[in-house]
N, C-alpha and C. Protein backbone atom coordinates (compact mmCIF):
# COMPACT_ATOMS: atom_id res chain seq x y z
N UNK A 1 15.41 -7.13 40.21
CA UNK A 1 15.09 -6.79 38.84
C UNK A 1 14.19 -5.57 38.87
N UNK A 2 14.10 -4.90 37.78
CA UNK A 2 13.28 -3.71 37.73
C UNK A 2 12.48 -3.70 36.45
N UNK A 3 11.47 -2.89 36.45
CA UNK A 3 10.70 -2.71 35.23
C UNK A 3 10.69 -1.23 34.91
N UNK A 4 10.59 -0.91 33.67
CA UNK A 4 10.67 0.49 33.26
C UNK A 4 9.33 1.18 33.37
N UNK A 5 9.38 2.42 33.81
CA UNK A 5 8.23 3.30 33.79
C UNK A 5 8.73 4.63 33.26
N UNK A 6 7.83 5.57 33.08
CA UNK A 6 8.25 6.87 32.60
C UNK A 6 9.09 7.60 33.64
N UNK A 7 9.03 7.18 34.90
CA UNK A 7 9.78 7.82 35.97
C UNK A 7 11.08 7.07 36.26
N UNK A 8 11.45 6.09 35.47
CA UNK A 8 12.66 5.32 35.71
C UNK A 8 12.33 3.93 36.21
N UNK A 9 13.36 3.14 36.45
CA UNK A 9 13.13 1.75 36.85
C UNK A 9 12.55 1.65 38.26
N UNK A 10 11.72 0.64 38.44
CA UNK A 10 11.16 0.35 39.75
C UNK A 10 12.07 -0.69 40.40
N UNK A 11 12.51 -0.41 41.62
CA UNK A 11 13.34 -1.35 42.34
C UNK A 11 12.46 -2.03 43.39
N UNK A 12 12.37 -3.34 43.31
CA UNK A 12 11.54 -4.08 44.25
C UNK A 12 12.32 -4.38 45.52
N UNK A 13 11.64 -4.28 46.64
CA UNK A 13 12.26 -4.60 47.93
C UNK A 13 12.12 -6.09 48.21
N UNK A 14 13.10 -6.62 48.95
CA UNK A 14 13.10 -8.05 49.25
C UNK A 14 13.61 -8.28 50.66
N UNK A 15 13.26 -9.47 51.18
CA UNK A 15 13.76 -9.93 52.47
C UNK A 15 14.13 -11.39 52.33
N UNK A 16 15.10 -11.83 53.11
CA UNK A 16 15.53 -13.22 53.10
C UNK A 16 15.42 -13.77 54.52
N UNK A 17 14.73 -14.91 54.63
CA UNK A 17 14.55 -15.57 55.92
C UNK A 17 15.19 -16.95 55.84
N UNK A 18 16.19 -17.18 56.68
CA UNK A 18 16.82 -18.49 56.77
C UNK A 18 16.09 -19.28 57.86
N UNK A 19 15.63 -20.47 57.50
CA UNK A 19 14.91 -21.33 58.44
C UNK A 19 15.86 -22.47 58.81
N UNK A 20 16.37 -22.43 60.05
CA UNK A 20 17.35 -23.42 60.47
C UNK A 20 17.48 -23.41 61.99
N UNK A 21 17.21 -24.55 62.61
CA UNK A 21 17.40 -24.67 64.05
C UNK A 21 18.84 -24.39 64.43
N UNK A 22 19.79 -25.03 63.74
CA UNK A 22 21.20 -24.91 64.12
C UNK A 22 21.74 -23.50 63.91
N UNK A 23 21.31 -22.82 62.85
CA UNK A 23 21.74 -21.43 62.63
C UNK A 23 21.10 -20.51 63.68
N UNK A 24 19.85 -20.75 64.01
CA UNK A 24 19.16 -19.92 65.01
C UNK A 24 19.81 -20.07 66.38
N UNK A 25 20.34 -21.25 66.67
CA UNK A 25 21.02 -21.48 67.96
C UNK A 25 22.49 -21.03 67.93
N UNK A 26 22.98 -20.60 66.78
CA UNK A 26 24.36 -20.18 66.66
C UNK A 26 25.36 -21.31 66.54
N UNK A 27 24.87 -22.50 66.24
CA UNK A 27 25.74 -23.68 66.12
C UNK A 27 26.33 -23.84 64.72
N UNK A 28 25.74 -23.13 63.77
CA UNK A 28 26.20 -23.24 62.39
C UNK A 28 26.08 -21.87 61.75
N UNK A 29 27.03 -21.53 60.89
CA UNK A 29 27.00 -20.26 60.17
C UNK A 29 26.03 -20.38 59.00
N UNK A 30 25.19 -19.38 58.84
CA UNK A 30 24.25 -19.34 57.71
C UNK A 30 25.01 -19.00 56.43
N UNK A 31 25.05 -19.94 55.51
CA UNK A 31 25.68 -19.70 54.21
C UNK A 31 24.64 -19.45 53.13
N UNK A 32 23.47 -20.04 53.27
CA UNK A 32 22.44 -19.92 52.23
C UNK A 32 21.84 -18.53 52.17
N UNK A 33 21.51 -17.96 53.33
CA UNK A 33 20.92 -16.63 53.34
C UNK A 33 21.78 -15.60 52.63
N UNK A 34 23.07 -15.48 53.01
CA UNK A 34 23.93 -14.52 52.31
C UNK A 34 24.09 -14.81 50.82
N UNK A 35 24.10 -16.08 50.44
CA UNK A 35 24.22 -16.43 49.01
C UNK A 35 22.98 -15.93 48.25
N UNK A 36 21.81 -16.09 48.84
CA UNK A 36 20.56 -15.63 48.23
C UNK A 36 20.53 -14.10 48.17
N UNK A 37 20.96 -13.45 49.23
CA UNK A 37 21.02 -11.98 49.24
C UNK A 37 21.88 -11.48 48.09
N UNK A 38 23.02 -12.11 47.89
CA UNK A 38 23.93 -11.69 46.81
C UNK A 38 23.26 -11.80 45.44
N UNK A 39 22.58 -12.91 45.19
CA UNK A 39 21.89 -13.09 43.90
C UNK A 39 20.81 -12.02 43.73
N UNK A 40 20.05 -11.77 44.78
CA UNK A 40 18.99 -10.76 44.69
C UNK A 40 19.56 -9.37 44.41
N UNK A 41 20.59 -8.99 45.14
CA UNK A 41 21.20 -7.67 44.93
C UNK A 41 21.77 -7.55 43.52
N UNK A 42 22.43 -8.61 43.05
CA UNK A 42 22.99 -8.58 41.70
C UNK A 42 21.92 -8.53 40.63
N UNK A 43 20.69 -8.89 40.99
CA UNK A 43 19.57 -8.86 40.05
C UNK A 43 18.74 -7.60 40.18
N UNK A 44 19.18 -6.66 41.00
CA UNK A 44 18.51 -5.36 41.08
C UNK A 44 17.50 -5.22 42.21
N UNK A 45 17.37 -6.22 43.07
CA UNK A 45 16.46 -6.10 44.21
C UNK A 45 17.16 -5.35 45.33
N UNK A 46 16.38 -4.64 46.12
CA UNK A 46 16.91 -3.97 47.31
C UNK A 46 16.55 -4.82 48.51
N UNK A 47 17.53 -5.54 49.04
CA UNK A 47 17.30 -6.42 50.19
C UNK A 47 17.33 -5.56 51.45
N UNK A 48 16.18 -5.45 52.11
CA UNK A 48 16.06 -4.54 53.25
C UNK A 48 16.02 -5.27 54.59
N UNK A 49 15.94 -6.61 54.56
CA UNK A 49 15.86 -7.34 55.82
C UNK A 49 16.35 -8.77 55.63
N UNK A 50 17.12 -9.25 56.59
CA UNK A 50 17.47 -10.66 56.66
C UNK A 50 17.17 -11.13 58.07
N UNK A 51 16.84 -12.41 58.19
CA UNK A 51 16.44 -12.94 59.49
C UNK A 51 16.70 -14.43 59.52
N UNK A 52 16.99 -14.95 60.70
CA UNK A 52 17.12 -16.39 60.91
C UNK A 52 16.07 -16.80 61.93
N UNK A 53 15.28 -17.83 61.59
CA UNK A 53 14.28 -18.36 62.52
C UNK A 53 14.48 -19.87 62.64
N UNK A 54 13.93 -20.43 63.70
CA UNK A 54 13.98 -21.87 63.90
C UNK A 54 13.00 -22.57 62.97
N UNK A 55 13.17 -23.87 62.83
CA UNK A 55 12.23 -24.70 62.07
C UNK A 55 10.96 -24.86 62.91
N UNK A 56 10.22 -23.79 63.04
CA UNK A 56 9.01 -23.76 63.86
C UNK A 56 7.94 -23.02 63.07
N UNK A 57 6.81 -23.67 62.87
CA UNK A 57 5.77 -23.12 62.00
C UNK A 57 5.33 -21.72 62.43
N UNK A 58 5.12 -21.52 63.72
CA UNK A 58 4.65 -20.20 64.17
C UNK A 58 5.72 -19.12 63.97
N UNK A 59 6.99 -19.45 64.22
CA UNK A 59 8.06 -18.47 63.99
C UNK A 59 8.15 -18.10 62.51
N UNK A 60 8.03 -19.10 61.66
CA UNK A 60 8.08 -18.84 60.22
C UNK A 60 6.90 -17.99 59.79
N UNK A 61 5.70 -18.37 60.21
CA UNK A 61 4.50 -17.61 59.85
C UNK A 61 4.59 -16.17 60.33
N UNK A 62 5.01 -15.96 61.59
CA UNK A 62 5.12 -14.61 62.13
C UNK A 62 6.10 -13.77 61.32
N UNK A 63 7.25 -14.36 60.98
CA UNK A 63 8.24 -13.61 60.18
C UNK A 63 7.65 -13.23 58.82
N UNK A 64 6.99 -14.18 58.17
CA UNK A 64 6.44 -13.92 56.83
C UNK A 64 5.34 -12.86 56.87
N UNK A 65 4.46 -12.95 57.85
CA UNK A 65 3.35 -11.99 57.96
C UNK A 65 3.90 -10.58 58.18
N UNK A 66 4.86 -10.44 59.08
CA UNK A 66 5.42 -9.11 59.35
C UNK A 66 6.21 -8.57 58.16
N UNK A 67 7.00 -9.42 57.54
CA UNK A 67 7.80 -8.96 56.41
C UNK A 67 6.93 -8.60 55.20
N UNK A 68 5.81 -9.28 55.04
CA UNK A 68 4.92 -8.99 53.91
C UNK A 68 4.34 -7.58 53.99
N UNK A 69 4.38 -6.99 55.15
CA UNK A 69 3.94 -5.59 55.31
C UNK A 69 5.01 -4.61 54.84
N UNK A 70 6.26 -5.09 54.72
CA UNK A 70 7.39 -4.21 54.44
C UNK A 70 7.98 -4.38 53.05
N UNK A 71 7.94 -5.59 52.49
CA UNK A 71 8.64 -5.86 51.24
C UNK A 71 7.71 -6.52 50.23
N UNK A 72 8.16 -6.52 48.97
CA UNK A 72 7.38 -7.10 47.88
C UNK A 72 7.73 -8.55 47.60
N UNK A 73 8.94 -8.98 47.99
CA UNK A 73 9.42 -10.32 47.67
C UNK A 73 10.13 -10.87 48.89
N UNK A 74 9.64 -12.01 49.40
CA UNK A 74 10.27 -12.69 50.53
C UNK A 74 10.78 -14.03 50.04
N UNK A 75 12.05 -14.29 50.33
CA UNK A 75 12.65 -15.57 49.97
C UNK A 75 13.04 -16.27 51.26
N UNK A 76 12.60 -17.52 51.42
CA UNK A 76 13.04 -18.32 52.55
C UNK A 76 14.04 -19.34 52.04
N UNK A 77 14.94 -19.74 52.89
CA UNK A 77 15.86 -20.82 52.55
C UNK A 77 15.90 -21.78 53.73
N UNK A 78 15.65 -23.05 53.42
CA UNK A 78 15.67 -24.08 54.45
C UNK A 78 14.28 -24.59 54.81
N UNK A 79 14.25 -25.80 55.35
CA UNK A 79 13.01 -26.37 55.85
C UNK A 79 12.05 -26.88 54.79
N UNK A 80 12.57 -27.19 53.59
CA UNK A 80 11.68 -27.60 52.50
C UNK A 80 11.78 -29.08 52.17
N UNK A 81 12.55 -29.83 52.95
CA UNK A 81 12.72 -31.25 52.68
C UNK A 81 11.62 -32.08 53.34
N UNK A 82 11.96 -33.33 53.64
CA UNK A 82 10.95 -34.23 54.20
C UNK A 82 11.28 -34.67 55.63
N UNK A 83 12.29 -34.06 56.24
CA UNK A 83 12.59 -34.37 57.63
C UNK A 83 11.44 -33.89 58.53
N UNK A 84 11.30 -34.47 59.69
CA UNK A 84 10.18 -34.09 60.57
C UNK A 84 10.09 -32.60 60.89
N UNK A 85 11.22 -31.89 61.00
CA UNK A 85 11.19 -30.45 61.35
C UNK A 85 11.06 -29.56 60.12
N UNK A 86 11.01 -30.11 58.92
CA UNK A 86 10.89 -29.31 57.69
C UNK A 86 9.44 -28.88 57.50
N UNK A 87 9.11 -27.67 57.96
CA UNK A 87 7.72 -27.20 57.94
C UNK A 87 7.55 -25.88 57.18
N UNK A 88 8.58 -25.43 56.49
CA UNK A 88 8.49 -24.14 55.80
C UNK A 88 7.36 -24.09 54.77
N UNK A 89 7.16 -25.12 53.93
CA UNK A 89 6.06 -25.02 52.96
C UNK A 89 4.68 -24.91 53.64
N UNK A 90 4.47 -25.68 54.69
CA UNK A 90 3.18 -25.62 55.38
C UNK A 90 2.96 -24.26 56.04
N UNK A 91 4.02 -23.71 56.63
CA UNK A 91 3.91 -22.38 57.25
C UNK A 91 3.62 -21.32 56.20
N UNK A 92 4.26 -21.45 55.04
CA UNK A 92 4.03 -20.49 53.96
C UNK A 92 2.60 -20.60 53.44
N UNK A 93 2.15 -21.81 53.19
CA UNK A 93 0.79 -22.02 52.70
C UNK A 93 -0.23 -21.44 53.67
N UNK A 94 0.03 -21.55 54.96
CA UNK A 94 -0.92 -21.10 55.98
C UNK A 94 -1.17 -19.60 55.94
N UNK A 95 -0.19 -18.82 55.46
CA UNK A 95 -0.38 -17.36 55.48
C UNK A 95 -0.57 -16.77 54.09
N UNK A 96 -0.56 -17.60 53.05
CA UNK A 96 -0.73 -17.09 51.69
C UNK A 96 -2.19 -17.06 51.28
N UNK A 97 -2.52 -16.08 50.44
CA UNK A 97 -3.86 -15.98 49.85
C UNK A 97 -4.01 -16.97 48.70
N UNK A 98 -2.91 -17.15 47.94
CA UNK A 98 -2.91 -18.05 46.78
C UNK A 98 -1.53 -18.65 46.61
N UNK A 99 -1.50 -19.84 46.01
CA UNK A 99 -0.23 -20.48 45.69
C UNK A 99 -0.01 -20.42 44.18
N UNK A 100 1.25 -20.41 43.78
CA UNK A 100 1.61 -20.40 42.37
C UNK A 100 2.40 -21.69 42.13
N UNK A 101 1.69 -22.76 41.84
CA UNK A 101 2.28 -24.10 41.74
C UNK A 101 3.39 -24.20 40.71
N UNK A 102 3.27 -23.51 39.60
CA UNK A 102 4.24 -23.63 38.53
C UNK A 102 5.64 -23.20 38.91
N UNK A 103 5.77 -22.30 39.87
CA UNK A 103 7.09 -21.83 40.27
C UNK A 103 7.85 -22.94 41.00
N UNK A 104 7.20 -23.61 41.94
CA UNK A 104 7.83 -24.74 42.62
C UNK A 104 8.17 -25.86 41.65
N UNK A 105 7.25 -26.10 40.72
CA UNK A 105 7.49 -27.14 39.71
C UNK A 105 8.72 -26.81 38.88
N UNK A 106 8.86 -25.55 38.51
CA UNK A 106 10.01 -25.14 37.69
C UNK A 106 11.32 -25.30 38.46
N UNK A 107 11.32 -24.95 39.74
CA UNK A 107 12.54 -25.12 40.54
C UNK A 107 12.94 -26.60 40.61
N UNK A 108 11.96 -27.47 40.84
CA UNK A 108 12.27 -28.90 40.92
C UNK A 108 12.71 -29.46 39.58
N UNK A 109 12.10 -29.00 38.50
CA UNK A 109 12.49 -29.44 37.16
C UNK A 109 13.94 -29.07 36.86
N UNK A 110 14.30 -27.84 37.15
CA UNK A 110 15.68 -27.39 36.92
C UNK A 110 16.64 -28.12 37.86
N UNK A 111 16.25 -28.31 39.10
CA UNK A 111 17.09 -29.00 40.07
C UNK A 111 17.35 -30.45 39.69
N UNK A 112 16.35 -31.07 39.07
CA UNK A 112 16.48 -32.48 38.67
C UNK A 112 17.56 -32.68 37.61
N UNK A 113 17.94 -31.61 36.91
CA UNK A 113 18.99 -31.71 35.92
C UNK A 113 20.35 -31.94 36.58
N UNK A 114 20.45 -31.60 37.88
CA UNK A 114 21.72 -31.76 38.60
C UNK A 114 21.67 -32.89 39.62
N UNK A 115 20.51 -33.14 40.22
CA UNK A 115 20.42 -34.18 41.24
C UNK A 115 19.00 -34.76 41.30
N UNK A 116 18.93 -36.05 41.43
CA UNK A 116 17.62 -36.69 41.55
C UNK A 116 16.95 -36.33 42.87
N UNK A 117 17.73 -35.86 43.85
CA UNK A 117 17.15 -35.48 45.15
C UNK A 117 16.26 -34.25 45.06
N UNK A 118 16.32 -33.51 43.96
CA UNK A 118 15.45 -32.34 43.80
C UNK A 118 13.98 -32.72 43.91
N UNK A 119 13.66 -33.97 43.54
CA UNK A 119 12.27 -34.42 43.62
C UNK A 119 11.76 -34.45 45.05
N UNK A 120 12.66 -34.47 46.04
CA UNK A 120 12.26 -34.48 47.44
C UNK A 120 12.00 -33.07 47.99
N UNK A 121 12.32 -32.06 47.21
CA UNK A 121 12.08 -30.68 47.63
C UNK A 121 10.60 -30.34 47.60
N UNK A 122 10.16 -29.62 48.60
CA UNK A 122 8.73 -29.28 48.68
C UNK A 122 8.48 -27.78 48.70
N UNK A 123 9.47 -26.99 48.30
CA UNK A 123 9.32 -25.54 48.32
C UNK A 123 8.12 -25.08 47.51
N UNK A 124 7.42 -24.07 48.04
CA UNK A 124 6.26 -23.51 47.36
C UNK A 124 6.49 -22.04 47.09
N UNK A 125 5.63 -21.48 46.27
CA UNK A 125 5.61 -20.05 46.00
C UNK A 125 4.17 -19.60 46.18
N UNK A 126 3.99 -18.50 46.88
CA UNK A 126 2.64 -18.01 47.12
C UNK A 126 2.59 -16.50 47.18
N UNK A 127 1.37 -16.01 47.31
CA UNK A 127 1.10 -14.57 47.34
C UNK A 127 0.36 -14.24 48.64
N UNK A 128 0.85 -13.23 49.32
CA UNK A 128 0.13 -12.65 50.45
C UNK A 128 -0.08 -11.18 50.10
N UNK A 129 -1.32 -10.84 49.80
CA UNK A 129 -1.68 -9.52 49.32
C UNK A 129 -0.83 -9.17 48.10
N UNK A 130 0.11 -8.23 48.21
CA UNK A 130 0.93 -7.86 47.04
C UNK A 130 2.37 -8.32 47.18
N UNK A 131 2.60 -9.27 48.08
CA UNK A 131 3.95 -9.78 48.32
C UNK A 131 4.06 -11.21 47.80
N UNK A 132 5.13 -11.49 47.09
CA UNK A 132 5.43 -12.82 46.60
C UNK A 132 6.36 -13.50 47.59
N UNK A 133 6.07 -14.75 47.95
CA UNK A 133 6.87 -15.50 48.91
C UNK A 133 7.35 -16.78 48.24
N UNK A 134 8.66 -17.02 48.31
CA UNK A 134 9.28 -18.15 47.63
C UNK A 134 10.12 -18.96 48.61
N UNK A 135 9.88 -20.27 48.67
CA UNK A 135 10.69 -21.17 49.50
C UNK A 135 11.80 -21.80 48.67
N UNK A 136 13.02 -21.74 49.19
CA UNK A 136 14.18 -22.35 48.54
C UNK A 136 14.76 -23.43 49.45
N UNK A 137 15.52 -24.38 48.88
CA UNK A 137 16.19 -25.38 49.71
C UNK A 137 17.20 -24.71 50.65
N UNK A 138 17.68 -25.48 51.64
CA UNK A 138 18.60 -24.93 52.62
C UNK A 138 20.06 -24.96 52.24
N UNK A 139 20.45 -25.77 51.27
CA UNK A 139 21.86 -25.79 50.88
C UNK A 139 22.15 -24.55 50.04
N UNK A 140 23.34 -23.95 50.21
CA UNK A 140 23.65 -22.74 49.43
C UNK A 140 23.53 -22.97 47.92
N UNK A 141 24.07 -24.09 47.42
CA UNK A 141 23.99 -24.36 45.98
C UNK A 141 22.57 -24.56 45.51
N UNK A 142 21.80 -25.35 46.25
CA UNK A 142 20.40 -25.59 45.90
C UNK A 142 19.57 -24.33 45.96
N UNK A 143 19.84 -23.48 46.97
CA UNK A 143 19.09 -22.24 47.10
C UNK A 143 19.35 -21.31 45.92
N UNK A 144 20.63 -21.14 45.58
CA UNK A 144 20.98 -20.24 44.47
C UNK A 144 20.44 -20.78 43.15
N UNK A 145 20.64 -22.07 42.90
CA UNK A 145 20.16 -22.64 41.63
C UNK A 145 18.65 -22.56 41.51
N UNK A 146 17.95 -22.82 42.59
CA UNK A 146 16.48 -22.74 42.55
C UNK A 146 16.02 -21.31 42.32
N UNK A 147 16.65 -20.36 43.01
CA UNK A 147 16.29 -18.96 42.82
C UNK A 147 16.55 -18.52 41.38
N UNK A 148 17.72 -18.87 40.86
CA UNK A 148 18.04 -18.48 39.48
C UNK A 148 17.09 -19.09 38.47
N UNK A 149 16.54 -20.26 38.78
CA UNK A 149 15.62 -20.93 37.85
C UNK A 149 14.31 -20.16 37.67
N UNK A 150 13.94 -19.35 38.67
CA UNK A 150 12.64 -18.68 38.62
C UNK A 150 12.72 -17.16 38.74
N UNK A 151 13.90 -16.63 38.97
CA UNK A 151 14.04 -15.19 39.25
C UNK A 151 13.51 -14.31 38.12
N UNK A 152 13.64 -14.77 36.89
CA UNK A 152 13.14 -13.98 35.77
C UNK A 152 11.63 -13.79 35.77
N UNK A 153 10.91 -14.63 36.49
CA UNK A 153 9.46 -14.53 36.58
C UNK A 153 8.99 -13.49 37.60
N UNK A 154 9.85 -13.18 38.54
CA UNK A 154 9.44 -12.39 39.71
C UNK A 154 9.00 -10.97 39.36
N UNK A 155 9.75 -10.19 38.60
CA UNK A 155 9.27 -8.83 38.30
C UNK A 155 7.90 -8.82 37.61
N UNK A 156 7.69 -9.74 36.68
CA UNK A 156 6.39 -9.80 36.00
C UNK A 156 5.29 -10.16 37.00
N UNK A 157 5.56 -11.11 37.88
CA UNK A 157 4.58 -11.49 38.89
C UNK A 157 4.25 -10.31 39.79
N UNK A 158 5.26 -9.56 40.21
CA UNK A 158 5.01 -8.41 41.08
C UNK A 158 4.24 -7.32 40.34
N UNK A 159 4.54 -7.13 39.06
CA UNK A 159 3.76 -6.17 38.28
C UNK A 159 2.30 -6.60 38.17
N UNK A 160 2.07 -7.89 37.97
CA UNK A 160 0.69 -8.39 37.91
C UNK A 160 -0.02 -8.16 39.23
N UNK A 161 0.68 -8.37 40.34
CA UNK A 161 0.07 -8.12 41.65
C UNK A 161 -0.26 -6.65 41.85
N UNK A 162 0.46 -5.77 41.15
CA UNK A 162 0.18 -4.34 41.19
C UNK A 162 -0.96 -3.95 40.26
N UNK A 163 -1.51 -4.91 39.53
CA UNK A 163 -2.59 -4.63 38.60
C UNK A 163 -2.14 -4.26 37.21
N UNK A 164 -0.85 -4.37 36.94
CA UNK A 164 -0.31 -4.05 35.61
C UNK A 164 -0.46 -5.29 34.74
N UNK A 165 -1.61 -5.43 34.12
CA UNK A 165 -1.92 -6.65 33.38
C UNK A 165 -1.91 -6.49 31.87
N UNK A 166 -1.51 -5.32 31.38
CA UNK A 166 -1.49 -5.13 29.93
C UNK A 166 -0.41 -6.00 29.32
N UNK A 167 -0.68 -6.45 28.11
CA UNK A 167 0.26 -7.31 27.41
C UNK A 167 0.99 -6.49 26.35
N UNK A 168 2.27 -6.83 26.12
CA UNK A 168 3.03 -6.09 25.11
C UNK A 168 3.07 -6.85 23.82
C-alpha cells in the first residue's frame, strides 16, 4: 500500500519469512510464503526479500533483526500455534521494542468467523525501530486471511512510525 505525498506515492518495502522445519529441510514446498508475497505485491508493497528458517528461536530472531535494517514491514508465516516447536511469537517479542496487541486480536477475531481453531493462534505484531513485524499462521489460507484482515492498518502504522501523526 502507499500513501500520497507531494512527490507521489510512497512504496513500502517488505520481506516474508517462512518459519518451517520441513520447508527449511526441503521436505515440503513452501506455499504460504509465496501466497503472502502475492497479497503484498497486489497491495502495493515492494517485496525485496523472502527467506525460509527453521522453527528455532535464534534463527527467527536473527532473520528479523537483519531484515529490520532493510525493510519497513516483515511478515512471518508459520510457528504461531501451540505445538512444542511453535516459537515464532516468542522470538518476535524478544526483538521488538513494542507490541501492538490489537493487530493479533483482529486477526484472531476475523479467523474465528471461519474456524474455531483461530483461537489457538498466537501470532503477534510488534515494532522494531521503524519496522513493523507481523506473525501469520502457517497454512496458506490462514496466512492470507489473517494478512487481509489487518493489511489496511499497515500503511497508517508505518506512517506513524515515521512521525507522521497529523490527523485528517
